[in-house]
């Protein structure tokens, strides 16, 4: 067999070398047949029992989570349990059996296909990727019904002592748990994107992965030698001995470098010319603080509070209470032991609905989301503000507001914060009266109207993921336009430079909390542009810190200025090479 290369979306860095193990979707094994009327109830019971079995499986997986498992895993398992309990999965297929006399597998697949079609019509990338959760839950039930539940074999025992590369159409976060105890060194999927749950878990586990390969499962055969280049999102199938040896050497070098990075945990991030840089962590749950502390973070630059609100379908009270929120925020603040925690208010709405079944806007990315949603739901917003303020009594907290664009939005938000403070004073509850208030700069309008932000607020945080998407009008998860997602586009660099310069002039801190902050290829450019606060996933922090320690602003600042003076991609790329040299 001739060697060939597949290109997908890189979601987790590193090199993995091993034999391919294909996981076949259970849906492919489904038989379609009609049951007799007198067998309908028995078929319903069979499906109900399968659903109950999967509930028990998820509970067992959750209970057996190792202490070092990323907090995301437990949350995603909870999400799958909630989906499984939803009537669209637990009841609708039963109705199909009753009305159409389908066998259990056929009824379940019919319902899942119908739900899948509904999600395919949604424009927003976040919602499209939530479809994968429903598909994964259905897949798990089908495996029980068909008796095809996949178990991973032991590693191939040959002279190479090969590790296993899992190749699948998709992999649920819960299924990834079984990989931890096997010789599993990477995974490849046909579907998925940067924001998929599987990608998030891959980054948390620090496992090399490449997703969005389209037809990997059709082209890769069982036991093929496979190389995953997680940095490039490239998969090499049946590599030549020379290529295999080259990647094994790269893999060894990466392992040694990563081990060496651990020694930097307590080293201050100071450039060679003596410039101090603040290293912050992005978290989704309070438990993530352990990884942030272990990586030597100076604090939390972004606590994504929406994870407390999402996927609560079936809850009697859908929204988390003020006390529930307060407890989560307080846990994070206490866990950071005096280091500041920046909590972003609810970034949810039309593009990330509280319930995936809710009706969405025609163009949700431009709809009622983030601060627009919060201002339209004042009681919900006040409850969150009170919870954040109460947590500030237990340590330094900064309050970050997403998607602000208008002066009146800033003013209304500040009034709401003052109202929340008054309510807490009346209730005699403690909080930090001088809590810093900041804005996310993530849409071009905000970056082009910075004077009204710096006049009213205490700090700025650049969300480069949305800033790039809104500025370039592309969805970075859409495979057809993903190649247009370019952090080095001159417009992006100009907006970033303007924001950093405006913060410096006004004397207020500016951080970058998007993916650019964790990309070591861009670290020196951001330093040269004047950035002094980086916020990223804890797994990326030490690599970025090493890049900072090896940087000299006296050398890189002139090169960064040269990049800012050009609009030609070739010239930017050439100077970037000099920056990284």
Protein backbone atom coordinates (compact mmCIF):
# COMPACT_ATOMS: atom_id res chain seq x y z
CA UNK A 1 0.00 0.00 0.00
CA UNK A 2 1.34 3.42 -0.96
CA UNK A 3 1.75 6.12 1.67
CA UNK A 4 -0.71 9.00 1.61
CA UNK A 5 -1.47 12.10 3.67
CA UNK A 6 -4.77 13.46 5.03
CA UNK A 7 -5.34 17.05 6.12
CA UNK A 8 -7.79 18.07 8.83
CA UNK A 9 -8.16 20.49 11.72
CA UNK A 10 -5.45 20.48 14.42
CA UNK A 11 -7.06 20.55 17.86
CA UNK A 12 -4.35 19.18 20.17
CA UNK A 13 -0.61 19.40 19.71
CA UNK A 14 2.05 16.73 19.65
CA UNK A 15 3.14 13.72 17.61
CA UNK A 16 1.54 10.28 17.82
CA UNK A 17 2.84 7.16 16.06
CA UNK A 18 1.03 3.83 16.09
CA UNK A 19 -1.27 1.29 14.50
CA UNK A 20 -4.78 2.27 13.43
CA UNK A 21 -7.73 0.83 15.33
CA UNK A 22 -11.01 1.57 13.56
CA UNK A 23 -14.19 2.04 15.55
CA UNK A 24 -17.22 1.32 13.39
CA UNK A 25 -20.39 3.33 14.16
CA UNK A 26 -23.09 1.08 15.56
CA UNK A 27 -25.60 2.79 13.27
CA UNK A 28 -24.06 0.95 10.33
CA UNK A 29 -25.09 -2.37 11.92
CA UNK A 30 -28.72 -1.43 12.43
CA UNK A 31 -31.33 -3.76 10.98
CA UNK A 32 -34.63 -2.36 9.77
CA UNK A 33 -37.73 -4.50 10.22
CA UNK A 34 -41.34 -4.22 11.36
CA UNK A 35 -42.54 -5.90 14.55
CA UNK A 36 -45.92 -7.53 15.03
CA UNK A 37 -48.50 -5.55 17.00
CA UNK A 38 -48.32 -7.99 19.90
CA UNK A 39 -44.51 -7.48 20.02
CA UNK A 40 -44.65 -3.69 20.26
CA UNK A 41 -44.57 -3.51 24.06
CA UNK A 42 -41.68 -5.97 24.22
CA UNK A 43 -39.75 -3.83 21.72
CA UNK A 44 -40.47 -0.73 23.78
CA UNK A 45 -39.18 -2.48 26.90
CA UNK A 46 -36.03 -3.49 24.98
CA UNK A 47 -35.31 0.12 24.09
CA UNK A 48 -36.12 1.33 27.62
CA UNK A 49 -33.75 -1.25 29.05
CA UNK A 50 -31.00 -0.16 26.67
CA UNK A 51 -31.48 3.47 27.72
CA UNK A 52 -31.39 2.44 31.39
CA UNK A 53 -28.18 0.48 30.73
CA UNK A 54 -26.53 3.51 29.15
CA UNK A 55 -27.65 5.66 32.09
CA UNK A 56 -25.91 3.20 34.38
CA UNK A 57 -22.81 3.15 32.16
CA UNK A 58 -22.56 6.93 32.28
CA UNK A 59 -23.04 6.93 36.04
CA UNK A 60 -20.31 4.31 36.43
CA UNK A 61 -17.95 6.25 34.19
CA UNK A 62 -18.65 9.43 36.15
CA UNK A 63 -18.11 7.66 39.49
CA UNK A 64 -14.87 6.08 38.29
CA UNK A 65 -13.38 9.32 37.00
CA UNK A 66 -9.73 9.43 38.12
CA UNK A 67 -8.74 12.36 40.30
CA UNK A 68 -6.49 13.73 37.57
CA UNK A 69 -9.23 13.63 34.91
CA UNK A 70 -10.00 17.05 33.39
CA UNK A 71 -13.10 18.67 34.86
CA UNK A 72 -14.55 18.91 31.35
CA UNK A 73 -15.00 15.13 31.26
CA UNK A 74 -17.39 15.04 34.19
CA UNK A 75 -19.36 17.94 32.77
CA UNK A 76 -19.68 16.38 29.33
CA UNK A 77 -20.80 13.08 30.83
CA UNK A 78 -23.48 15.04 32.69
CA UNK A 79 -24.49 16.61 29.37
CA UNK A 80 -24.89 13.18 27.77
CA UNK A 81 -26.94 11.96 30.73
CA UNK A 82 -29.25 14.96 30.36
CA UNK A 83 -29.65 14.35 26.62
CA UNK A 84 -30.43 10.71 27.33
CA UNK A 85 -33.19 11.80 29.74
CA UNK A 86 -34.68 14.26 27.28
CA UNK A 87 -38.02 13.18 25.75
CA UNK A 88 -36.56 13.59 22.27
CA UNK A 89 -34.40 10.53 22.97
CA UNK A 90 -36.19 8.74 25.81
CA UNK A 91 -39.80 9.08 24.57
CA UNK A 92 -40.03 9.96 20.86
CA UNK A 93 -38.48 6.66 19.63
CA UNK A 94 -41.03 4.79 21.79
CA UNK A 95 -43.83 6.68 20.02
CA UNK A 96 -42.31 5.70 16.67
CA UNK A 97 -42.37 2.03 17.70
CA UNK A 98 -46.02 2.34 18.72
CA UNK A 99 -47.16 4.21 15.62
CA UNK A 100 -44.99 2.71 12.88
CA UNK A 101 -44.17 -0.73 14.34
CA UNK A 102 -40.42 -0.14 13.77
CA UNK A 103 -37.90 -2.28 15.66
CA UNK A 104 -36.12 -0.44 18.49
CA UNK A 105 -32.89 0.24 16.57
CA UNK A 106 -34.74 1.57 13.52
CA UNK A 107 -36.95 3.81 15.67
CA UNK A 108 -33.93 5.28 17.48
CA UNK A 109 -31.98 5.90 14.26
CA UNK A 110 -35.07 7.49 12.67
CA UNK A 111 -35.42 9.93 15.56
CA UNK A 112 -31.70 10.74 15.64
CA UNK A 113 -31.65 11.32 11.87
CA UNK A 114 -34.58 13.71 12.22
CA UNK A 115 -32.84 15.64 14.99
CA UNK A 116 -29.62 15.65 12.98
CA UNK A 117 -31.39 17.19 9.98
CA UNK A 118 -32.76 19.96 12.21
CA UNK A 119 -29.27 20.78 13.48
CA UNK A 120 -27.83 20.78 9.96
CA UNK A 121 -30.07 23.75 9.14
CA UNK A 122 -28.54 25.84 11.94
CA UNK A 123 -25.92 28.31 10.72
CA UNK A 124 -24.01 28.71 13.96
CA UNK A 125 -20.93 26.53 14.42
CA UNK A 126 -21.40 26.06 18.16
CA UNK A 127 -24.91 24.66 17.75
CA UNK A 128 -23.90 22.46 14.82
CA UNK A 129 -21.26 20.86 17.00
CA UNK A 130 -23.78 20.22 19.76
CA UNK A 131 -25.44 17.87 17.25
CA UNK A 132 -22.47 15.58 17.82
CA UNK A 133 -23.51 15.09 21.47
CA UNK A 134 -26.92 13.77 20.41
CA UNK A 135 -25.31 11.49 17.83
CA UNK A 136 -22.87 10.14 20.43
CA UNK A 137 -25.65 9.41 22.93
CA UNK A 138 -27.64 7.61 20.25
CA UNK A 139 -24.55 5.66 19.25
CA UNK A 140 -24.07 4.45 22.81
CA UNK A 141 -27.69 3.22 23.04
CA UNK A 142 -27.39 1.49 19.66
CA UNK A 143 -24.28 -0.36 20.79
CA UNK A 144 -26.24 -1.78 23.71
CA UNK A 145 -29.18 -2.74 21.47
CA UNK A 146 -27.00 -4.41 18.85
CA UNK A 147 -24.52 -5.91 21.29
CA UNK A 148 -21.71 -4.19 19.40
CA UNK A 149 -20.25 -2.14 22.24
CA UNK A 150 -16.66 -1.55 21.24
CA UNK A 151 -13.80 -2.51 23.50
CA UNK A 152 -10.30 -1.46 22.64
CA UNK A 153 -7.69 -4.18 22.27
CA UNK A 154 -4.33 -4.18 23.92
CA UNK A 155 -1.51 -2.57 22.05
CA UNK A 156 -0.02 -4.54 19.17
CA UNK A 157 2.84 -6.54 20.66
CA UNK A 158 5.54 -6.46 18.03
CA UNK A 159 9.13 -5.33 17.77
CA UNK A 160 8.04 -1.70 17.55
CA UNK A 161 5.81 -1.96 20.65
CA UNK A 162 3.23 0.10 18.72
CA UNK A 163 0.72 2.32 20.43
CA UNK A 164 -2.84 2.53 19.21
CA UNK A 165 -4.29 5.34 17.08
CA UNK A 166 -8.08 5.35 17.29
CA UNK A 167 -9.80 6.17 14.00
CA UNK A 168 -13.52 6.88 14.19
CA UNK A 169 -16.28 8.90 12.61
CA UNK A 170 -16.61 10.62 16.00
CA UNK A 171 -15.66 9.86 19.60
CA UNK A 172 -17.67 10.90 22.63
CA UNK A 173 -15.82 12.41 25.61
CA UNK A 174 -17.13 9.57 27.79
CA UNK A 175 -15.71 6.95 25.43
CA UNK A 176 -12.34 8.67 25.60
CA UNK A 177 -12.05 7.66 29.25
CA UNK A 178 -11.40 4.04 28.37
CA UNK A 179 -8.44 5.21 26.27
CA UNK A 180 -6.62 6.51 29.36
CA UNK A 181 -5.85 3.00 30.60
CA UNK A 182 -4.85 1.57 27.22
CA UNK A 183 -1.93 2.11 24.89
CA UNK A 184 -3.86 4.88 23.18
CA UNK A 185 -1.68 7.67 21.90
CA UNK A 186 -3.86 9.70 19.56
CA UNK A 187 -7.11 9.86 17.66
CA UNK A 188 -8.44 10.80 14.24
CA UNK A 189 -12.08 11.58 13.43
CA UNK A 190 -14.02 12.27 10.26
CA UNK A 191 -16.01 15.07 11.87
CA UNK A 192 -15.50 17.73 14.54
CA UNK A 193 -13.95 21.15 14.86
CA UNK A 194 -12.10 23.45 17.23
CA UNK A 195 -15.13 23.86 19.51
CA UNK A 196 -16.31 20.24 19.64
CA UNK A 197 -16.42 18.58 23.04
CA UNK A 198 -14.02 15.90 21.79
CA UNK A 199 -11.52 18.58 20.79
CA UNK A 200 -11.81 20.28 24.18
CA UNK A 201 -11.20 16.99 26.00
CA UNK A 202 -8.26 16.17 23.70
CA UNK A 203 -6.61 19.46 24.64
CA UNK A 204 -7.33 18.84 28.32
CA UNK A 205 -5.80 15.36 28.18
CA UNK A 206 -2.97 16.69 26.01
CA UNK A 207 -3.49 13.91 23.45
CA UNK A 208 -2.36 14.45 19.83
CA UNK A 209 -5.45 14.61 17.64
CA UNK A 210 -6.70 15.65 14.23
CA UNK A 211 -10.39 16.04 13.45
CA UNK A 212 -12.50 17.01 10.46
CA UNK A 213 -10.74 14.46 8.21
CA UNK A 214 -13.99 13.77 6.27
CA UNK A 215 -13.20 10.24 5.05
CA UNK A 216 -10.43 8.94 7.31
CA UNK A 217 -12.50 5.91 8.35
CA UNK A 218 -13.00 4.99 4.69
CA UNK A 219 -9.36 5.37 3.68
CA UNK A 220 -7.47 4.07 6.72
CA UNK A 221 -7.48 0.32 7.24
CA UNK A 222 -7.21 -1.69 10.45
CA UNK A 223 -3.60 -1.95 11.72
CA UNK A 224 -2.22 0.58 9.22
CA UNK A 225 0.79 2.45 10.52
CA UNK A 226 -0.34 6.02 11.19
CA UNK A 227 1.39 9.24 12.19
CA UNK A 228 -0.57 12.17 13.66
CA UNK A 229 1.11 15.56 13.45
CA UNK A 230 -1.18 17.36 15.89
CA UNK A 231 0.48 20.73 15.30
CA UNK A 232 -0.38 20.71 11.60
CA UNK A 233 -3.57 18.62 11.66
CA UNK A 234 -1.88 16.18 9.28
CA UNK A 235 -2.18 12.40 9.25
CA UNK A 236 0.35 10.26 7.36
CA UNK A 237 -0.87 6.74 6.56
CA UNK A 238 1.56 3.87 5.91
CA UNK A 239 4.64 6.13 6.10
CA UNK A 240 7.98 5.03 4.68
CA UNK A 241 10.58 3.76 7.19
CA UNK A 242 12.52 7.02 6.77
CA UNK A 243 9.47 9.23 7.51
CA UNK A 244 8.52 6.97 10.42
CA UNK A 245 11.99 7.31 11.92
CA UNK A 246 11.98 11.09 11.46
CA UNK A 247 8.68 11.43 13.33
CA UNK A 248 9.85 9.08 16.10
CA UNK A 249 12.84 11.36 16.61
CA UNK A 250 10.54 14.42 16.68
CA UNK A 251 8.31 12.62 19.17
CA UNK A 252 11.29 11.89 21.44
CA UNK A 253 12.47 15.50 21.26
CA UNK A 254 8.98 16.74 22.12
CA UNK A 255 8.77 14.41 25.10
CA UNK A 256 12.11 15.63 26.45
CA UNK A 257 11.17 19.26 25.84
CA UNK A 258 7.83 18.82 27.62
CA UNK A 259 9.53 17.22 30.60
CA UNK A 260 11.98 20.10 30.71
CA UNK A 261 9.10 22.60 30.64
CA UNK A 262 7.91 21.33 34.01
CA UNK A 263 10.91 23.01 35.60
CA UNK A 264 9.54 26.42 34.57
CA UNK A 265 6.41 26.26 36.75
CA UNK A 266 7.82 28.55 39.43
CA UNK A 267 9.96 30.66 37.11
CA UNK A 268 8.63 34.21 36.59
CA UNK A 269 7.81 35.04 32.95
CA UNK A 270 10.43 37.71 32.30
CA UNK A 271 11.96 38.46 28.91
CA UNK A 272 15.71 38.58 28.47
CA UNK A 273 15.62 42.37 28.58
CA UNK A 274 13.84 42.27 31.97
CA UNK A 275 10.20 42.85 30.96
CA UNK A 276 7.71 41.04 33.20
CA UNK A 277 4.75 39.25 31.60
CA UNK A 278 1.61 38.01 33.39
CA UNK A 279 0.60 34.42 32.59
CA UNK A 280 -3.08 33.65 33.12
CA UNK A 281 -5.24 30.55 32.62
CA UNK A 282 -8.60 30.05 30.90
CA UNK A 283 -11.00 27.77 32.79
CA UNK A 284 -14.55 26.44 32.40
CA UNK A 285 -15.10 24.92 35.85
CA UNK A 286 -13.75 25.50 39.37
CA UNK A 287 -11.92 22.16 39.25
CA UNK A 288 -9.79 23.53 36.40
CA UNK A 289 -8.03 25.74 38.93
CA UNK A 290 -5.87 22.78 39.99
CA UNK A 291 -4.36 22.59 36.49
CA UNK A 292 -3.97 26.37 36.44
CA UNK A 293 -2.07 26.33 39.74
CA UNK A 294 0.02 23.35 38.63
CA UNK A 295 1.06 25.20 35.48
CA UNK A 296 2.22 28.18 37.53
CA UNK A 297 -0.50 30.59 36.36
CA UNK A 298 -0.52 34.07 37.93
CA UNK A 299 -4.30 33.92 38.00
CA UNK A 300 -7.38 33.14 35.91
CA UNK A 301 -7.78 35.41 32.91
CA UNK A 302 -11.07 33.91 31.77
CA UNK A 303 -13.65 31.89 33.72
CA UNK A 304 -16.28 30.95 31.13
CA UNK A 305 -19.38 31.09 33.34
CA UNK A 306 -21.77 29.88 30.61
CA UNK A 307 -20.74 26.27 31.27
CA UNK A 308 -22.75 26.51 34.51
CA UNK A 309 -25.88 27.42 32.53
CA UNK A 310 -25.74 25.21 29.47
CA UNK A 311 -27.33 21.84 28.77
CA UNK A 312 -29.65 21.88 31.77
CA UNK A 313 -32.58 20.41 29.81
CA UNK A 314 -35.01 18.66 32.10
CA UNK A 315 -34.04 20.56 35.24
CA UNK A 316 -37.01 21.78 37.27
CA UNK A 317 -35.33 25.16 37.52
CA UNK A 318 -33.37 25.45 34.32
CA UNK A 319 -31.10 28.30 35.37
CA UNK A 320 -28.54 27.82 38.13
CA UNK A 321 -29.57 29.72 41.25
CA UNK A 322 -27.60 32.64 42.62
CA UNK A 323 -26.30 30.43 45.43
CA UNK A 324 -25.26 27.67 43.02
CA UNK A 325 -23.35 30.18 40.92
CA UNK A 326 -21.83 31.82 43.99
CA UNK A 327 -20.59 28.45 45.23
CA UNK A 328 -18.84 27.74 41.91
CA UNK A 329 -17.25 31.17 41.72
CA UNK A 330 -16.19 31.03 45.36
CA UNK A 331 -14.59 27.61 44.84
CA UNK A 332 -12.49 29.01 42.00
CA UNK A 333 -11.48 32.11 43.95
CA UNK A 334 -10.45 30.06 47.01
CA UNK A 335 -8.62 27.50 44.85
CA UNK A 336 -6.47 30.23 43.27
CA UNK A 337 -5.11 31.20 46.71
CA UNK A 338 -5.02 34.97 46.33
CA UNK A 339 -4.37 35.06 42.60
CA UNK A 340 -6.95 37.12 40.67
CA UNK A 341 -9.88 35.36 38.99
CA UNK A 342 -11.52 37.06 36.00
CA UNK A 343 -15.12 35.86 35.66
CA UNK A 344 -16.84 36.53 32.34
CA UNK A 345 -20.56 37.15 32.58
CA UNK A 346 -22.87 34.88 30.65
CA UNK A 347 -21.76 34.53 27.01
CA UNK A 348 -24.87 32.71 25.88
CA UNK A 349 -27.93 33.38 23.81
CA UNK A 350 -28.97 32.81 20.24
CA UNK A 351 -25.70 31.14 19.27
CA UNK A 352 -25.33 29.15 22.51
CA UNK A 353 -28.88 28.64 23.80
CA UNK A 354 -29.60 27.44 27.28
CA UNK A 355 -31.54 24.60 25.67
CA UNK A 356 -30.44 23.09 22.36
CA UNK A 357 -34.12 22.61 21.49
CA UNK A 358 -34.83 26.33 21.73
CA UNK A 359 -35.66 28.17 18.53
CA UNK A 360 -32.64 30.03 17.20
CA UNK A 361 -32.33 33.23 15.22
CA UNK A 362 -31.87 33.24 11.46
CA UNK A 363 -28.28 34.43 11.94
CA UNK A 364 -27.52 33.54 15.56
CA UNK A 365 -23.92 34.78 15.65
CA UNK A 366 -25.31 38.27 15.06
CA UNK A 367 -28.34 37.86 17.30
CA UNK A 368 -29.36 38.14 20.94
CA UNK A 369 -26.25 36.77 22.62
CA UNK A 370 -23.84 37.59 25.45
CA UNK A 371 -24.44 41.04 27.00
CA UNK A 372 -27.42 41.64 24.70
CA UNK A 373 -29.07 38.54 26.11
CA UNK A 374 -28.20 39.50 29.70
CA UNK A 375 -29.59 43.03 29.39
CA UNK A 376 -32.78 41.53 27.94
CA UNK A 377 -33.05 39.22 31.00
CA UNK A 378 -32.30 41.64 33.86
CA UNK A 379 -33.33 39.35 36.74
CA UNK A 380 -31.13 36.54 35.49
CA UNK A 381 -28.26 38.99 34.95
CA UNK A 382 -28.67 40.53 38.40
CA UNK A 383 -28.54 37.07 39.99
CA UNK A 384 -25.26 36.34 38.24
CA UNK A 385 -23.80 39.74 39.12
CA UNK A 386 -24.70 39.25 42.79
CA UNK A 387 -23.10 35.79 42.75
CA UNK A 388 -19.87 37.14 41.25
CA UNK A 389 -19.79 40.08 43.65
CA UNK A 390 -20.33 37.79 46.65
CA UNK A 391 -17.40 35.62 45.50
CA UNK A 392 -15.18 38.71 45.48
CA UNK A 393 -15.31 38.69 49.29
CA UNK A 394 -13.13 35.56 49.24
CA UNK A 395 -10.29 36.84 47.06
CA UNK A 396 -9.46 39.14 44.14
CA UNK A 397 -12.11 38.96 41.39
CA UNK A 398 -12.39 40.87 38.12
CA UNK A 399 -15.70 41.06 36.26
CA UNK A 400 -15.51 40.72 32.47
CA UNK A 401 -18.40 41.58 30.13
CA UNK A 402 -18.57 39.99 26.63
CA UNK A 403 -19.60 41.45 23.28
CA UNK A 404 -20.00 45.08 24.27
CA UNK A 405 -20.21 47.40 21.26
CA UNK A 406 -22.24 50.48 22.25
CA UNK A 407 -21.71 53.13 24.91
CA UNK A 408 -25.25 52.63 26.20
CA UNK A 409 -24.56 48.89 26.64
CA UNK A 410 -21.57 49.73 28.81
CA UNK A 411 -23.58 52.28 30.78
CA UNK A 412 -26.53 49.90 31.28
CA UNK A 413 -24.18 47.16 32.42
CA UNK A 414 -22.50 49.46 34.93
CA UNK A 415 -25.92 50.52 36.24
CA UNK A 416 -26.89 46.86 36.65
CA UNK A 417 -23.69 46.22 38.59
CA UNK A 418 -24.46 49.16 40.87
CA UNK A 419 -27.99 47.80 41.37
CA UNK A 420 -26.58 44.39 42.30
CA UNK A 421 -24.23 46.06 44.77
CA UNK A 422 -27.13 47.96 46.36
CA UNK A 423 -29.09 44.74 46.74
CA UNK A 424 -26.14 43.06 48.46
CA UNK A 425 -25.62 46.04 50.75
CA UNK A 426 -29.29 45.87 51.73
CA UNK A 427 -28.87 42.14 52.45
CA UNK A 428 -25.66 42.91 54.38
CA UNK A 429 -23.58 40.58 52.25
CA UNK A 430 -19.91 41.30 51.78
CA UNK A 431 -18.25 42.00 48.42
CA UNK A 432 -15.39 43.99 46.92
CA UNK A 433 -16.73 47.52 46.44
CA UNK A 434 -13.89 48.31 44.05
CA UNK A 435 -14.17 45.18 41.90
CA UNK A 436 -12.53 45.89 38.51
CA UNK A 437 -14.91 45.87 35.54
CA UNK A 438 -13.64 45.05 32.05
CA UNK A 439 -14.83 44.44 28.50
CA UNK A 440 -14.18 41.77 25.93
CA UNK A 441 -12.93 43.28 22.68
CA UNK A 442 -14.20 40.71 20.20
CA UNK A 443 -16.05 42.57 17.48
CA UNK A 444 -14.53 45.17 15.14
CA UNK A 445 -16.88 47.92 16.37
CA UNK A 446 -15.39 47.65 19.86
CA UNK A 447 -11.80 47.74 18.61
CA UNK A 448 -12.59 50.80 16.49
CA UNK A 449 -14.30 52.68 19.34
CA UNK A 450 -11.83 52.10 22.18
CA UNK A 451 -11.94 55.61 23.71
CA UNK A 452 -15.47 55.01 25.02
CA UNK A 453 -14.28 51.72 26.59
CA UNK A 454 -11.13 52.97 28.32
CA UNK A 455 -13.06 56.00 29.66
CA UNK A 456 -15.60 53.80 31.47
CA UNK A 457 -13.80 50.55 32.32
CA UNK A 458 -10.83 49.21 34.28
CA UNK A 459 -9.36 46.64 31.87
CA UNK A 460 -9.77 45.04 28.43
CA UNK A 461 -9.51 41.46 27.26
CA UNK A 462 -9.25 40.61 23.57
CA UNK A 463 -11.23 37.56 22.48
CA UNK A 464 -9.34 36.79 19.29
CA UNK A 465 -11.49 33.79 18.31
CA UNK A 466 -14.60 35.91 17.75
CA UNK A 467 -12.63 38.97 16.66
CA UNK A 468 -11.12 37.01 13.76
CA UNK A 469 -14.43 35.44 12.79
CA UNK A 470 -16.39 38.69 12.87
CA UNK A 471 -13.68 40.70 11.12
CA UNK A 472 -13.09 38.18 8.32
CA UNK A 473 -16.74 37.07 8.14
CA UNK A 474 -15.85 33.37 8.31
CA UNK A 475 -16.80 30.42 10.47
CA UNK A 476 -13.55 28.74 11.46
CA UNK A 477 -15.31 25.41 12.01
CA UNK A 478 -16.87 25.40 8.55
CA UNK A 479 -14.54 23.16 6.55
CA UNK A 480 -15.27 25.03 3.34
CA UNK A 481 -13.95 28.34 4.67
CA UNK A 482 -11.68 27.24 7.52
CA UNK A 483 -8.61 28.01 5.40
CA UNK A 484 -9.62 31.70 5.50
CA UNK A 485 -9.27 31.84 9.30
CA UNK A 486 -6.06 33.85 9.57
CA UNK A 487 -4.75 35.40 12.82
CA UNK A 488 -2.06 37.17 10.76
CA UNK A 489 -4.48 38.96 8.45
CA UNK A 490 -3.43 42.63 8.43
CA UNK A 491 -6.88 43.74 9.64
CA UNK A 492 -6.65 41.47 12.70
CA UNK A 493 -3.16 42.70 13.54
CA UNK A 494 -4.21 46.33 13.21
CA UNK A 495 -7.22 45.85 15.51
CA UNK A 496 -5.04 44.04 18.06
CA UNK A 497 -2.35 46.72 17.96
CA UNK A 498 -4.94 49.48 18.37
CA UNK A 499 -6.42 47.78 21.43
CA UNK A 500 -3.05 47.18 23.10
CA UNK A 501 -1.94 50.76 22.39
CA UNK A 502 -5.21 52.25 23.69
CA UNK A 503 -4.88 50.32 26.93
CA UNK A 504 -1.26 51.42 27.39
CA UNK A 505 -2.16 55.06 26.74
CA UNK A 506 -5.03 54.94 29.23
CA UNK A 507 -2.95 53.03 31.79
CA UNK A 508 -5.32 50.05 31.97
CA UNK A 509 -4.36 46.38 31.53
CA UNK A 510 -5.01 44.58 28.24
CA UNK A 511 -4.92 40.80 27.93
CA UNK A 512 -5.50 38.36 25.07
CA UNK A 513 -7.58 35.35 26.08
CA UNK A 514 -8.30 33.80 22.67
CA UNK A 515 -6.44 31.01 20.90
CA UNK A 516 -3.73 33.43 19.73
CA UNK A 517 -2.47 33.77 23.30
CA UNK A 518 -1.67 30.06 23.51
CA UNK A 519 -0.02 29.81 20.08
CA UNK A 520 3.75 29.87 20.59
CA UNK A 521 4.22 30.85 16.94
CA UNK A 522 2.59 34.20 17.76
CA UNK A 523 4.06 34.84 21.22
CA UNK A 524 6.93 37.06 20.11
CA UNK A 525 4.71 39.06 17.76
CA UNK A 526 2.25 39.77 20.58
CA UNK A 527 5.11 40.74 22.90
CA UNK A 528 6.53 43.04 20.24
CA UNK A 529 3.10 44.65 19.85
CA UNK A 530 3.14 45.51 23.56
CA UNK A 531 1.02 42.70 25.06
CA UNK A 532 1.94 41.98 28.68
CA UNK A 533 -0.92 39.66 29.76
CA UNK A 534 -1.50 36.29 28.11
CA UNK A 535 -4.42 34.03 29.06
CA UNK A 536 -4.73 30.47 27.71
CA UNK A 537 -5.55 26.85 28.50
CA UNK A 538 -3.30 25.65 31.35
CA UNK A 539 -1.76 22.97 29.09
CA UNK A 540 -0.33 25.72 26.84
CA UNK A 541 1.03 27.99 29.54
CA UNK A 542 4.52 26.56 30.07
CA UNK A 543 5.29 26.42 26.33
CA UNK A 544 4.33 30.09 25.96
CA UNK A 545 6.31 30.98 29.07
CA UNK A 546 9.42 29.33 27.61
CA UNK A 547 9.00 31.41 24.46
CA UNK A 548 8.75 34.57 26.59
CA UNK A 549 11.88 33.67 28.56
CA UNK A 550 13.79 33.27 25.29
CA UNK A 551 12.59 36.61 23.87
CA UNK A 552 14.35 39.96 23.85
CA UNK A 553 12.07 42.95 23.23
CA UNK A 554 15.00 45.00 21.96
CA UNK A 555 15.19 42.61 19.02
CA UNK A 556 11.56 41.69 18.43
CA UNK A 557 9.83 45.07 18.85
CA UNK A 558 11.34 46.51 15.62
CA UNK A 559 10.31 43.37 13.72
CA UNK A 560 6.76 43.59 15.11
CA UNK A 561 6.61 47.22 13.95
CA UNK A 562 7.77 46.15 10.49
CA UNK A 563 4.92 43.63 10.34
CA UNK A 564 2.42 46.31 11.34
CA UNK A 565 3.61 48.53 8.47
CA UNK A 566 2.91 45.96 5.75
CA UNK A 567 -0.29 44.59 4.29
CA UNK A 568 1.31 41.94 2.07
CA UNK A 569 0.94 38.34 3.36
CA UNK A 570 4.30 37.27 1.91
CA UNK A 571 6.12 40.12 3.68
CA UNK A 572 4.33 39.34 6.95
CA UNK A 573 5.27 35.66 6.68
CA UNK A 574 8.90 36.55 5.94
CA UNK A 575 9.19 38.83 8.96
CA UNK A 576 7.42 36.25 11.16
CA UNK A 577 10.20 33.81 10.27
CA UNK A 578 12.74 36.36 11.48
CA UNK A 579 10.76 36.85 14.69
CA UNK A 580 10.77 33.13 15.44
CA UNK A 581 14.44 32.67 14.54
